[in-house]
Amino acid sequence: MRYLLLLTTLLCAAPLMAQDPGSQRVEARVIAAAPGLVTIDRGHDAGLQPGDRVRVHPLGAASLEGRVELAGARDATVRLDDPAAEVDVGARAEAFVPADRFAQPGEAGPGGQVPAHPPWSRAPDEWSQAMPLLAKSKGQKPEERQTEWHGRFYTSVDGTLDRQDDGRRYLFARSGSDLRAENPFGRGGRLRIDFELNHRIDAVPAGSDEADTRLRLDRLSWSVGGDRHDPQRWEFGRFLHSEFPEFGVADGADYSLRVSPSSTLGASLGYLPELDSDYATGEDLQTSLYYAYTAGERGELRAGGGFQKTWHSGTADRDLFLAKLSWSPPTGFNLYSTAWLDLYGSEDTAKSSGAELTQLFSSAGWRFEGGDGFRLGYSRIRFPQLLRLQISEVTLAQLSDNQTDRVDLSGWKRIGSDLRLSARVDSWSDEDDSGGGGQVRADWRGPLFAGGNLGAALFTNQGQFSSVTGVRLDADWATGLGSWRVALESAQFTQQDFIGDQGDLLQHAFELTWDLYGASGWSCSSYLEQRFGDEIDSLTLGFFLQNRF
């Protein structure tokens, strides 16, 4: 393992010597999050476009990389390279936008060169003297275009040595691809293939080692229509619902009809794969109906609602209503809200008959012209009573009573051109207890390295069984051989009502990350994490190698 960083450097050096051209960093904040996916509060107005690289900095964790998948006027959806990564709302993010994009036509960019117009993708239509000069160009239909493949291949390895546990070693490796093809069969449409191979080793000294290898197919679907030539859209195979991803992945078919420029109706039918490592299917049948509405020149207002009905092994199971709203007007205000409403009957013994709000995620914020802003968020989570995904450890009383509510407020302000202050407070409560926490942070631009960042944060959190208070220092900077990030964190953990020497623990973490991005689509990341202190002594090394095309 000690040679892992050196090996990663050698693997990446050959394809990655060419760096991306000059880019401009756009600061942002995470305003909505799901595993492997985040929404940031910057979009087209800030120069972002699909494919732009984004770096997210979660508190107390290594930075995460991703790419803009969908850009609106004031927000952008970012798909993280790690599909299992989770980020808290309010986390700091940075988007890297090519500097030449900010140059006006005919103006020189920061490098002194005038951006050239890209070559035309097709020859102009025939024109004669009898035709008007501004005659409309005939667009190509999907089936008339050449087949184009886009996507990425990636591989990563993470290894941990736990010296506190007599040298226990843990290794997790994964490789996979996410491929998309336009007009794959010469009949139009789009093909999506997403799979991953995981290998896990848990080596226990003086015990039995465990090893496991699994191949998981996350997506395999073909969609047709849904463009300017066809208001109807069909998707077949294993897919994530396009308009309402909250309904989950399904094995079956999805149909939608654009009834107007702003309104879409749709329905789906298929099986829901089990949410485990095997992704087995065939036990849970679902059908859904939904409506989506979009308004504004750049889709500033999005709203919709849907209903999903499921059956587990032939027995009626869940009746779920879903509603969501997204509003990002040009004023700087933004609002996001998604609500899950479950409908129960007399057969649901842990719930009262009628409707129950099982999940609610809402946030509202404001970004001022100078970049300052604030955000207020609220969430509620309750356990729904389902035949699917039954958990034997959850009792009927817990299903009936368990509820977690959380309120958080965050704000950030720029002091001059180089200093930025931010703060966050949150409060939570459940059926038994309550708590909360917060953080204050300062970021300085360029105190150590030109274009770099130096940050310092104080944080605290009160949980039901433990509390933590700590400090974190970090710095990041770019060089001709990649970007570097180093961080040091110290935290005091207190176990509530704990009898013994482990009631108070002082623990530390040191992190070092190196990222390299190539103009050819290759990227590489390596990191080292050393955790030490009371009752902890572990070393983790890892790398991530990826090629986008």
Protein backbone atom coordinates (compact mmCIF):
# COMPACT_ATOMS: atom_id res chain seq x y z
CA MET A 1 0.00 0.00 0.00
CA ARG A 2 2.87 2.38 0.67
CA TYR A 3 3.67 2.37 -3.04
CA LEU A 4 0.11 3.21 -4.08
CA LEU A 5 0.68 6.94 -4.55
CA LEU A 6 3.81 6.33 -6.61
CA LEU A 7 2.00 3.76 -8.75
CA THR A 8 -0.88 6.18 -9.32
CA THR A 9 1.51 8.89 -10.46
CA LEU A 10 3.09 6.56 -12.99
CA LEU A 11 -0.30 5.41 -14.28
CA CYS A 12 -1.50 8.96 -14.78
CA ALA A 13 1.64 10.62 -16.06
CA ALA A 14 1.58 9.35 -19.63
CA PRO A 15 -1.94 10.40 -20.72
CA LEU A 16 -2.17 13.47 -18.54
CA MET A 17 0.83 15.64 -19.26
CA ALA A 18 -1.30 18.12 -21.25
CA GLN A 19 -3.30 20.35 -18.94
CA ASP A 20 -6.64 22.01 -19.58
CA PRO A 21 -6.40 25.56 -20.92
CA GLY A 22 -6.87 28.48 -18.55
CA SER A 23 -10.10 28.34 -16.61
CA GLN A 24 -11.98 30.69 -14.34
CA ARG A 25 -13.22 29.43 -10.98
CA VAL A 26 -16.87 30.12 -10.13
CA GLU A 27 -17.77 29.71 -6.46
CA ALA A 28 -21.07 28.08 -5.60
CA ARG A 29 -23.06 26.36 -2.86
CA VAL A 30 -24.92 23.04 -2.81
CA ILE A 31 -28.66 23.73 -2.53
CA ALA A 32 -29.99 20.20 -3.06
CA ALA A 33 -28.38 16.78 -2.80
CA ALA A 34 -28.93 13.09 -3.36
CA PRO A 35 -26.43 10.20 -3.44
CA GLY A 36 -24.11 10.86 -6.37
CA LEU A 37 -25.96 14.01 -7.43
CA VAL A 38 -26.00 17.63 -6.26
CA THR A 39 -27.56 20.90 -7.38
CA ILE A 40 -25.50 24.07 -7.09
CA ASP A 41 -26.74 27.66 -7.12
CA ARG A 42 -24.89 28.81 -10.24
CA GLY A 43 -25.92 28.16 -13.84
CA HIS A 44 -25.96 29.66 -17.35
CA ASP A 45 -25.86 33.19 -15.95
CA ALA A 46 -22.47 32.41 -14.39
CA GLY A 47 -21.12 30.81 -17.57
CA LEU A 48 -21.69 27.14 -16.69
CA GLN A 49 -22.47 24.62 -19.40
CA PRO A 50 -22.99 20.83 -19.42
CA GLY A 51 -19.67 19.04 -19.14
CA ASP A 52 -17.92 21.69 -17.00
CA ARG A 53 -15.88 20.30 -14.11
CA VAL A 54 -17.10 20.92 -10.55
CA ARG A 55 -15.38 20.28 -7.23
CA VAL A 56 -17.44 19.95 -4.01
CA HIS A 57 -15.86 20.35 -0.55
CA PRO A 58 -17.90 18.51 2.15
CA LEU A 59 -17.10 19.33 5.77
CA GLY A 60 -14.66 16.87 7.30
CA ALA A 61 -14.31 14.79 4.13
CA ALA A 62 -12.21 14.65 0.99
CA SER A 63 -13.23 16.79 -1.97
CA LEU A 64 -15.54 15.29 -4.57
CA GLU A 65 -15.36 15.76 -8.32
CA GLY A 66 -18.16 15.84 -10.85
CA ARG A 67 -19.45 17.30 -14.09
CA VAL A 68 -22.37 19.58 -14.90
CA GLU A 69 -25.11 17.41 -16.36
CA LEU A 70 -27.86 20.02 -16.73
CA ALA A 71 -27.51 23.81 -16.49
CA GLY A 72 -30.40 26.18 -15.85
CA ALA A 73 -30.33 29.95 -15.62
CA ARG A 74 -29.51 30.10 -11.90
CA ASP A 75 -28.71 26.50 -11.01
CA ALA A 76 -26.96 23.41 -12.33
CA THR A 77 -27.24 19.69 -11.72
CA VAL A 78 -23.88 18.04 -11.09
CA ARG A 79 -23.32 14.28 -11.30
CA LEU A 80 -20.49 13.28 -8.98
CA ASP A 81 -17.84 10.84 -10.15
CA ASP A 82 -18.58 8.67 -7.11
CA PRO A 83 -22.23 7.56 -7.45
CA ALA A 84 -22.43 6.65 -3.75
CA ALA A 85 -21.07 9.96 -2.43
CA GLU A 86 -23.37 12.01 -0.20
CA VAL A 87 -23.01 15.75 0.39
CA ASP A 88 -24.76 17.98 2.91
CA VAL A 89 -26.76 20.90 1.59
CA GLY A 90 -24.79 24.10 2.05
CA ALA A 91 -21.41 22.58 1.20
CA ARG A 92 -18.96 24.77 -0.71
CA ALA A 93 -18.42 24.04 -4.41
CA GLU A 94 -16.31 25.37 -7.27
CA ALA A 95 -17.05 25.21 -10.98
CA PHE A 96 -14.20 25.52 -13.47
CA VAL A 97 -15.31 27.40 -16.59
CA PRO A 98 -13.00 27.87 -19.62
CA ALA A 99 -11.79 31.46 -19.53
CA ASP A 100 -12.29 31.90 -23.29
CA ARG A 101 -16.03 31.44 -22.77
CA PHE A 102 -16.19 34.87 -21.12
CA ALA A 103 -14.60 36.61 -24.11
CA GLN A 104 -16.93 38.42 -26.49
CA PRO A 105 -16.86 37.50 -30.20
CA GLY A 106 -13.72 39.00 -31.72
CA GLU A 107 -12.18 39.68 -28.30
CA ALA A 108 -9.04 38.03 -27.06
CA GLY A 109 -9.33 35.77 -24.06
CA PRO A 110 -6.94 35.73 -21.11
CA GLY A 111 -4.37 33.88 -23.23
CA GLY A 112 -4.35 36.64 -25.84
CA GLN A 113 -6.00 34.56 -28.57
CA VAL A 114 -9.32 35.26 -30.23
CA PRO A 115 -11.63 32.24 -29.94
CA ALA A 116 -12.28 30.79 -33.39
CA HIS A 117 -15.76 29.80 -34.45
CA PRO A 118 -16.06 26.01 -34.29
CA PRO A 119 -16.38 24.31 -37.67
CA TRP A 120 -19.88 23.79 -39.00
CA SER A 121 -21.10 20.29 -38.28
CA ARG A 122 -22.90 19.99 -41.64
CA ALA A 123 -22.92 21.67 -45.03
CA PRO A 124 -25.45 24.51 -45.57
CA ASP A 125 -28.68 23.72 -47.39
CA GLU A 126 -28.89 24.46 -51.09
CA TRP A 127 -29.99 28.01 -51.91
CA SER A 128 -31.21 29.67 -55.09
CA GLN A 129 -32.09 33.22 -56.20
CA ALA A 130 -35.78 32.38 -55.86
CA MET A 131 -35.40 31.72 -52.12
CA PRO A 132 -35.37 34.42 -49.41
CA LEU A 133 -32.02 35.18 -47.81
CA LEU A 134 -33.33 34.27 -44.35
CA ALA A 135 -34.92 30.98 -45.38
CA LYS A 136 -35.08 28.49 -42.51
CA SER A 137 -32.47 25.77 -42.41
CA LYS A 138 -33.77 22.23 -42.39
CA GLY A 139 -32.62 20.47 -39.27
CA GLN A 140 -31.47 16.87 -39.30
CA LYS A 141 -33.75 14.26 -37.82
CA PRO A 142 -32.24 11.96 -35.18
CA GLU A 143 -32.14 9.00 -37.57
CA GLU A 144 -30.21 11.11 -40.11
CA ARG A 145 -27.31 11.79 -37.74
CA GLN A 146 -24.20 9.72 -37.30
CA THR A 147 -23.87 7.45 -34.29
CA GLU A 148 -22.03 9.25 -31.49
CA TRP A 149 -20.76 7.72 -28.26
CA HIS A 150 -20.16 9.70 -25.08
CA GLY A 151 -19.43 8.66 -21.54
CA ARG A 152 -16.65 7.66 -19.21
CA PHE A 153 -14.59 4.72 -18.02
CA TYR A 154 -13.23 4.75 -14.48
CA THR A 155 -11.42 2.67 -11.91
CA SER A 156 -10.61 3.29 -8.26
CA VAL A 157 -8.89 1.54 -5.38
CA ASP A 158 -9.14 2.39 -1.67
CA GLY A 159 -7.07 0.57 0.92
CA THR A 160 -7.14 1.02 4.72
CA LEU A 161 -4.75 -0.32 7.34
CA ASP A 162 -6.21 -0.25 10.86
CA ARG A 163 -3.25 -0.47 13.23
CA GLN A 164 -5.55 0.01 16.22
CA ASP A 165 -7.27 -3.30 15.36
CA ASP A 166 -4.09 -5.44 15.20
CA GLY A 167 -3.35 -4.56 11.59
CA ARG A 168 -6.74 -5.25 10.01
CA ARG A 169 -6.73 -4.40 6.29
CA TYR A 170 -9.62 -3.41 4.11
CA LEU A 171 -9.51 -3.02 0.31
CA PHE A 172 -12.29 -1.85 -1.96
CA ALA A 173 -11.79 -1.64 -5.74
CA ARG A 174 -14.32 -0.78 -8.40
CA SER A 175 -14.28 -0.30 -12.14
CA GLY A 176 -17.09 0.60 -14.46
CA SER A 177 -18.45 2.72 -17.26
CA ASP A 178 -21.33 5.04 -18.01
CA LEU A 179 -21.93 5.07 -21.78
CA ARG A 180 -24.43 6.99 -23.90
CA ALA A 181 -24.97 6.58 -27.62
CA GLU A 182 -26.94 8.87 -29.94
CA ASN A 183 -28.67 7.11 -32.86
CA PRO A 184 -27.05 3.75 -31.96
CA PHE A 185 -29.01 1.63 -34.48
CA GLY A 186 -29.56 4.13 -37.30
CA ARG A 187 -33.19 4.67 -36.24
CA GLY A 188 -32.71 7.58 -33.87
CA GLY A 189 -32.98 7.29 -30.14
CA ARG A 190 -30.45 7.07 -27.33
CA LEU A 191 -28.79 4.08 -25.65
CA ARG A 192 -27.63 4.18 -22.01
CA ILE A 193 -25.31 1.56 -20.46
CA ASP A 194 -24.07 1.91 -16.87
CA PHE A 195 -22.38 -0.92 -15.00
CA GLU A 196 -19.82 -1.40 -12.24
CA LEU A 197 -17.61 -4.25 -11.01
CA ASN A 198 -16.85 -4.18 -7.27
CA HIS A 199 -14.22 -6.18 -5.39
CA ARG A 200 -13.93 -6.12 -1.60
CA ILE A 201 -11.36 -7.73 0.71
CA ASP A 202 -11.54 -7.66 4.52
CA ALA A 203 -8.38 -9.21 5.99
CA VAL A 204 -8.72 -9.94 9.72
CA PRO A 205 -5.55 -10.93 11.64
CA ALA A 206 -5.93 -14.26 13.44
CA GLY A 207 -9.37 -14.63 11.86
CA SER A 208 -11.14 -15.54 8.65
CA ASP A 209 -10.68 -13.18 5.72
CA GLU A 210 -13.63 -12.14 3.59
CA ALA A 211 -13.56 -11.44 -0.15
CA ASP A 212 -16.42 -10.60 -2.47
CA THR A 213 -16.71 -9.67 -6.16
CA ARG A 214 -19.95 -8.43 -7.71
CA LEU A 215 -21.03 -7.08 -11.08
CA ARG A 216 -23.92 -4.63 -10.92
CA LEU A 217 -25.93 -3.32 -13.87
CA ASP A 218 -27.31 0.10 -12.93
CA ARG A 219 -28.70 1.21 -16.33
CA LEU A 220 -29.43 -0.47 -19.65
CA SER A 221 -32.10 1.39 -21.58
CA TRP A 222 -33.05 2.68 -25.00
CA SER A 223 -35.16 5.84 -25.43
CA VAL A 224 -36.73 7.34 -28.56
CA GLY A 225 -38.54 10.61 -29.21
CA GLY A 226 -38.90 13.47 -26.80
CA ASP A 227 -37.20 15.94 -29.14
CA ARG A 228 -38.41 18.76 -31.41
CA HIS A 229 -39.43 16.23 -34.06
CA ASP A 230 -41.51 14.00 -31.78
CA PRO A 231 -43.40 15.13 -28.64
CA GLN A 232 -43.76 11.48 -27.56
CA ARG A 233 -40.94 9.78 -25.67
CA TRP A 234 -40.51 6.07 -24.93
CA GLU A 235 -37.85 4.43 -22.79
CA PHE A 236 -37.37 0.69 -22.38
CA GLY A 237 -35.07 -1.39 -20.17
CA ARG A 238 -33.53 -0.56 -16.80
CA PHE A 239 -33.81 3.20 -16.38
CA LEU A 240 -34.13 5.97 -13.81
CA HIS A 241 -37.42 7.84 -14.21
CA SER A 242 -36.48 10.95 -16.21
CA GLU A 243 -39.10 13.42 -15.00
CA PHE A 244 -39.46 12.02 -11.46
CA PRO A 245 -36.22 10.29 -10.41
CA GLU A 246 -37.74 10.06 -6.91
CA PHE A 247 -39.77 7.09 -8.20
CA GLY A 248 -36.49 5.21 -8.54
CA VAL A 249 -34.96 2.79 -11.03
CA ALA A 250 -37.38 0.51 -12.88
CA ASP A 251 -37.15 -2.47 -15.21
CA GLY A 252 -39.88 -1.86 -17.77
CA ALA A 253 -41.13 1.03 -19.90
CA ASP A 254 -41.78 4.74 -19.50
CA TYR A 255 -43.93 6.91 -21.79
CA SER A 256 -44.28 10.70 -21.80
CA LEU A 257 -46.10 13.16 -24.06
CA ARG A 258 -45.26 16.85 -24.37
CA VAL A 259 -48.80 18.25 -24.63
CA SER A 260 -47.54 21.86 -24.81
CA PRO A 261 -44.17 23.65 -24.74
CA SER A 262 -44.45 23.79 -20.94
CA SER A 263 -46.44 20.67 -19.97
CA THR A 264 -45.60 16.96 -20.04
CA LEU A 265 -47.75 13.97 -19.10
CA GLY A 266 -46.32 10.51 -18.52
CA ALA A 267 -46.74 6.99 -17.18
CA SER A 268 -44.48 4.03 -16.42
CA LEU A 269 -44.79 0.30 -15.73
CA GLY A 270 -42.08 -2.02 -14.49
CA TYR A 271 -40.37 -3.79 -11.61
CA LEU A 272 -38.32 -2.02 -8.93
CA PRO A 273 -34.92 -3.67 -8.35
CA GLU A 274 -33.97 -4.44 -4.77
CA LEU A 275 -31.78 -1.75 -3.21
CA ASP A 276 -28.88 -4.05 -2.44
CA SER A 277 -25.59 -5.07 -4.04
CA ASP A 278 -27.28 -7.59 -6.35
CA TYR A 279 -30.03 -5.29 -7.71
CA ALA A 280 -32.28 -8.33 -8.15
CA THR A 281 -35.68 -7.69 -9.70
CA GLY A 282 -39.10 -9.27 -10.12
CA GLU A 283 -40.59 -8.94 -6.61
CA ASP A 284 -41.96 -5.40 -6.68
CA LEU A 285 -44.17 -4.23 -9.56
CA GLN A 286 -44.85 -0.51 -9.89
CA THR A 287 -46.85 1.80 -12.08
CA SER A 288 -46.80 5.58 -12.02
CA LEU A 289 -48.57 8.60 -13.49
CA TYR A 290 -47.03 12.07 -13.49
CA TYR A 291 -47.31 15.64 -14.74
CA ALA A 292 -44.43 18.12 -15.13
CA TYR A 293 -44.65 21.85 -15.82
CA THR A 294 -41.86 24.21 -16.89
CA ALA A 295 -42.09 27.99 -17.35
CA GLY A 296 -39.69 30.81 -18.06
CA GLU A 297 -37.27 31.50 -20.87
CA ARG A 298 -34.67 29.24 -19.28
CA GLY A 299 -36.93 27.01 -17.21
CA GLU A 300 -36.79 29.16 -14.08
CA LEU A 301 -40.00 27.58 -12.73
CA ARG A 302 -40.45 23.82 -12.57
CA ALA A 303 -43.29 22.06 -10.83
CA GLY A 304 -44.94 18.69 -10.97
CA GLY A 305 -46.79 15.91 -9.24
CA GLY A 306 -47.10 12.17 -9.56
CA PHE A 307 -48.58 8.99 -8.11
CA GLN A 308 -46.86 5.62 -7.78
CA LYS A 309 -48.57 2.33 -6.91
CA THR A 310 -46.53 -0.78 -5.99
CA TRP A 311 -47.26 -4.47 -5.42
CA HIS A 312 -44.93 -6.79 -3.45
CA SER A 313 -45.11 -10.43 -4.59
CA GLY A 314 -48.61 -9.73 -5.92
CA THR A 315 -49.88 -8.00 -2.75
CA ALA A 316 -50.83 -4.31 -2.88
CA ASP A 317 -48.15 -2.30 -1.11
CA ARG A 318 -47.41 1.41 -1.45
CA ASP A 319 -49.62 4.33 -2.53
CA LEU A 320 -47.23 7.27 -2.91
CA PHE A 321 -48.06 10.83 -3.96
CA LEU A 322 -45.13 13.07 -4.88
CA ALA A 323 -44.99 16.84 -5.42
CA LYS A 324 -42.02 19.06 -6.17
CA LEU A 325 -41.32 22.70 -6.94
CA SER A 326 -38.21 24.53 -8.16
CA TRP A 327 -38.12 28.29 -8.72
CA SER A 328 -35.00 30.31 -9.64
CA PRO A 329 -36.07 33.76 -10.90
CA PRO A 330 -33.46 36.25 -12.20
CA THR A 331 -33.67 38.23 -8.95
CA GLY A 332 -31.25 35.88 -7.14
CA PHE A 333 -33.92 34.03 -5.15
CA ASN A 334 -34.14 30.25 -5.35
CA LEU A 335 -36.61 27.76 -3.91
CA TYR A 336 -36.57 23.96 -3.91
CA SER A 337 -39.10 21.61 -2.33
CA THR A 338 -40.01 17.94 -2.68
CA ALA A 339 -42.68 16.15 -0.63
CA TRP A 340 -43.56 12.45 -0.30
CA LEU A 341 -47.13 11.67 0.85
CA ASP A 342 -48.05 8.04 1.67
CA LEU A 343 -51.66 6.87 1.75
CA TYR A 344 -52.51 4.10 4.26
CA GLY A 345 -55.49 1.83 4.74
CA SER A 346 -56.87 -0.41 7.48
CA GLU A 347 -54.33 -3.16 6.69
CA ASP A 348 -51.44 -0.86 7.70
CA THR A 349 -51.44 -1.62 11.43
CA ALA A 350 -48.60 0.77 12.34
CA LYS A 351 -50.20 3.76 10.65
CA SER A 352 -53.52 5.56 10.90
CA SER A 353 -55.75 5.36 7.85
CA GLY A 354 -55.33 8.34 5.58
CA ALA A 355 -52.41 10.38 4.31
CA GLU A 356 -49.04 10.90 6.03
CA LEU A 357 -46.17 13.21 5.09
CA THR A 358 -43.26 10.74 5.14
CA GLN A 359 -40.55 12.92 3.60
CA LEU A 360 -40.15 16.64 2.98
CA PHE A 361 -37.05 18.49 1.77
CA SER A 362 -37.28 22.25 1.29
CA SER A 363 -34.76 25.05 0.95
CA ALA A 364 -34.95 28.71 0.04
CA GLY A 365 -32.12 31.14 -0.44
CA TRP A 366 -30.93 34.38 -1.92
CA ARG A 367 -27.72 35.22 -3.75
CA PHE A 368 -26.80 38.90 -4.04
CA GLU A 369 -24.99 40.38 -7.03
CA GLY A 370 -21.70 40.53 -5.16
CA GLY A 371 -21.81 36.81 -4.43
CA ASP A 372 -23.06 37.01 -0.81
CA GLY A 373 -26.08 34.97 0.12
CA PHE A 374 -27.98 32.86 2.61
CA ARG A 375 -30.11 29.72 2.63
CA LEU A 376 -32.79 28.29 4.95
CA GLY A 377 -33.64 24.60 4.83
CA TYR A 378 -36.11 22.23 6.48
CA SER A 379 -36.56 18.47 6.26
CA ARG A 380 -38.82 15.83 7.80
CA ILE A 381 -38.33 12.08 7.58
CA ARG A 382 -40.65 9.29 8.78
CA PHE A 383 -40.53 5.55 8.13
CA PRO A 384 -43.21 4.45 5.63
CA GLN A 385 -44.84 1.08 6.29
CA LEU A 386 -43.94 -1.13 3.32
CA LEU A 387 -43.88 -4.81 2.44
CA ARG A 388 -40.86 -4.00 0.26
CA LEU A 389 -37.53 -3.58 2.06
CA GLN A 390 -38.82 -4.93 5.35
CA ILE A 391 -36.36 -4.39 8.20
CA SER A 392 -36.89 -6.89 10.98
CA GLU A 393 -35.22 -4.69 13.61
CA VAL A 394 -37.83 -1.92 13.16
CA THR A 395 -40.85 -2.50 15.38
CA LEU A 396 -44.42 -1.41 14.71
CA ALA A 397 -44.06 1.17 17.47
CA GLN A 398 -41.03 2.67 15.77
CA LEU A 399 -42.86 2.79 12.44
CA SER A 400 -45.67 4.64 14.17
CA ASP A 401 -43.64 7.11 16.24
CA ASN A 402 -40.24 7.69 14.66
CA GLN A 403 -39.83 11.11 13.09
CA THR A 404 -36.82 13.38 12.50
CA ASP A 405 -37.14 17.09 11.81
CA ARG A 406 -34.19 19.31 10.91
CA VAL A 407 -33.87 23.07 10.33
CA ASP A 408 -30.66 24.65 9.06
CA LEU A 409 -29.58 28.18 8.19
CA SER A 410 -26.39 29.09 6.35
CA GLY A 411 -24.93 32.31 5.02
CA TRP A 412 -21.77 33.55 3.34
CA LYS A 413 -20.28 36.98 2.80
CA ARG A 414 -17.25 38.27 0.94
CA ILE A 415 -14.99 40.74 2.77
CA GLY A 416 -12.96 42.48 0.12
CA SER A 417 -11.70 40.52 -2.86
CA ASP A 418 -9.73 37.83 -0.99
CA LEU A 419 -11.65 36.97 2.20
CA ARG A 420 -14.90 35.06 2.44
CA LEU A 421 -16.76 34.27 5.67
CA SER A 422 -19.47 31.64 6.03
CA ALA A 423 -21.54 30.19 8.86
CA ARG A 424 -24.08 27.43 9.33
CA VAL A 425 -26.35 26.42 12.22
CA ASP A 426 -28.79 23.54 12.37
CA SER A 427 -31.21 22.03 14.84
CA TRP A 428 -32.80 18.57 14.86
CA SER A 429 -35.39 16.74 16.92
CA ASP A 430 -36.88 13.27 16.94
CA GLU A 431 -39.38 11.36 19.06
CA ASP A 432 -36.87 11.00 21.94
CA ASP A 433 -34.33 13.81 21.87
CA SER A 434 -33.04 16.95 20.17
CA GLY A 435 -29.73 18.53 19.30
CA GLY A 436 -27.93 20.69 16.82
CA GLY A 437 -24.67 22.12 15.66
CA GLY A 438 -22.95 24.67 13.54
CA GLN A 439 -19.81 25.87 11.84
CA VAL A 440 -18.00 29.14 11.16
CA ARG A 441 -15.44 29.26 8.38
CA ALA A 442 -13.06 31.72 6.75
CA ASP A 443 -11.46 31.35 3.32
CA TRP A 444 -8.57 33.46 2.03
CA ARG A 445 -7.59 33.62 -1.62
CA GLY A 446 -3.90 33.59 -2.38
CA PRO A 447 -2.21 34.05 1.04
CA LEU A 448 0.23 31.18 0.39
CA PHE A 449 -0.02 30.48 -3.34
CA ALA A 450 -1.25 32.58 -6.24
CA GLY A 451 -4.76 31.43 -7.03
CA GLY A 452 -4.81 29.09 -4.02
CA ASN A 453 -7.15 29.01 -1.04
CA LEU A 454 -6.49 28.82 2.72
CA GLY A 455 -9.41 27.90 4.94
CA ALA A 456 -10.08 27.59 8.68
CA ALA A 457 -13.24 26.29 10.32
CA LEU A 458 -14.62 25.71 13.82
CA PHE A 459 -17.48 23.22 14.11
CA THR A 460 -19.61 21.50 16.72
CA ASN A 461 -22.44 19.00 16.69
CA GLN A 462 -24.67 17.55 19.41
CA GLY A 463 -26.10 14.10 18.66
CA GLN A 464 -28.32 11.79 20.66
CA PHE A 465 -25.47 9.66 22.00
CA SER A 466 -22.35 11.77 21.42
CA SER A 467 -21.12 15.26 20.69
CA VAL A 468 -18.11 16.62 18.82
CA THR A 469 -16.27 19.95 18.74
CA GLY A 470 -13.30 20.56 16.48
CA VAL A 471 -11.19 22.73 14.22
CA ARG A 472 -10.13 22.21 10.62
CA LEU A 473 -7.40 23.89 8.56
CA ASP A 474 -7.06 23.28 4.82
CA ALA A 475 -5.33 24.71 1.78
CA ASP A 476 -5.54 24.05 -1.94
CA TRP A 477 -3.47 25.31 -4.85
CA ALA A 478 -2.81 24.52 -8.50
CA THR A 479 0.53 23.79 -10.17
CA GLY A 480 1.66 22.74 -13.61
CA LEU A 481 1.57 19.13 -12.40
CA GLY A 482 -1.92 19.18 -10.95
CA SER A 483 -3.92 20.53 -8.04
CA TRP A 484 -3.10 19.84 -4.39
CA ARG A 485 -5.16 19.94 -1.23
CA VAL A 486 -3.97 19.41 2.34
CA ALA A 487 -6.07 19.43 5.51
CA LEU A 488 -5.62 18.88 9.23
CA GLU A 489 -8.53 18.32 11.61
CA SER A 490 -8.67 17.87 15.39
CA ALA A 491 -11.88 17.04 17.23
CA GLN A 492 -12.97 16.22 20.78
CA PHE A 493 -15.63 13.47 20.94
CA THR A 494 -17.74 12.99 24.06
CA GLN A 495 -19.86 9.87 24.55
CA GLN A 496 -23.04 10.55 26.51
CA ASP A 497 -23.41 8.57 29.78
CA PHE A 498 -20.43 6.39 28.86
CA ILE A 499 -18.72 4.54 31.71
CA GLY A 500 -15.03 3.90 31.07
CA ASP A 501 -11.92 5.44 29.58
CA GLN A 502 -13.55 6.06 26.17
CA GLY A 503 -15.98 8.68 27.37
CA ASP A 504 -13.79 11.50 26.00
CA LEU A 505 -11.70 10.97 22.86
CA LEU A 506 -9.36 13.45 21.18
CA GLN A 507 -8.85 12.38 17.56
CA HIS A 508 -7.06 13.91 14.58
CA ALA A 509 -7.01 13.51 10.79
CA PHE A 510 -4.46 14.51 8.15
CA GLU A 511 -5.46 14.50 4.46
CA LEU A 512 -3.47 15.02 1.29
CA THR A 513 -5.11 15.00 -2.17
CA TRP A 514 -3.61 15.37 -5.64
CA ASP A 515 -5.74 15.90 -8.77
CA LEU A 516 -4.65 15.99 -12.39
CA TYR A 517 -6.91 16.84 -15.33
CA GLY A 518 -5.90 16.33 -18.93
CA ALA A 519 -7.20 18.13 -22.01
CA SER A 520 -7.77 14.73 -23.68
CA GLY A 521 -10.46 13.78 -21.15
CA TRP A 522 -8.26 11.88 -18.71
CA SER A 523 -8.32 12.73 -15.01
CA CYS A 524 -6.66 11.21 -12.01
CA SER A 525 -6.90 11.68 -8.24
CA SER A 526 -4.84 10.26 -5.39
CA TYR A 527 -5.31 10.78 -1.70
CA LEU A 528 -3.84 9.88 1.66
CA GLU A 529 -5.69 10.02 4.96
CA GLN A 530 -4.07 9.38 8.35
CA ARG A 531 -6.33 9.20 11.42
CA PHE A 532 -4.69 9.12 14.84
CA GLY A 533 -5.36 9.94 18.48
CA ASP A 534 -7.30 8.27 21.27
CA GLU A 535 -8.45 4.75 20.27
CA ILE A 536 -7.72 5.31 16.57
CA ASP A 537 -4.72 4.70 14.29
CA SER A 538 -5.47 4.07 10.63
CA LEU A 539 -3.99 4.88 7.24
CA THR A 540 -5.99 5.05 4.00
CA LEU A 541 -4.55 5.38 0.50
CA GLY A 542 -6.52 5.55 -2.72
CA PHE A 543 -6.66 6.66 -6.30
CA PHE A 544 -9.27 7.34 -8.96
CA LEU A 545 -8.54 7.18 -12.71
CA GLN A 546 -11.08 8.23 -15.33
CA ASN A 547 -11.41 8.92 -19.03
CA ARG A 548 -14.28 11.00 -20.41
CA PHE A 549 -15.04 11.13 -24.11
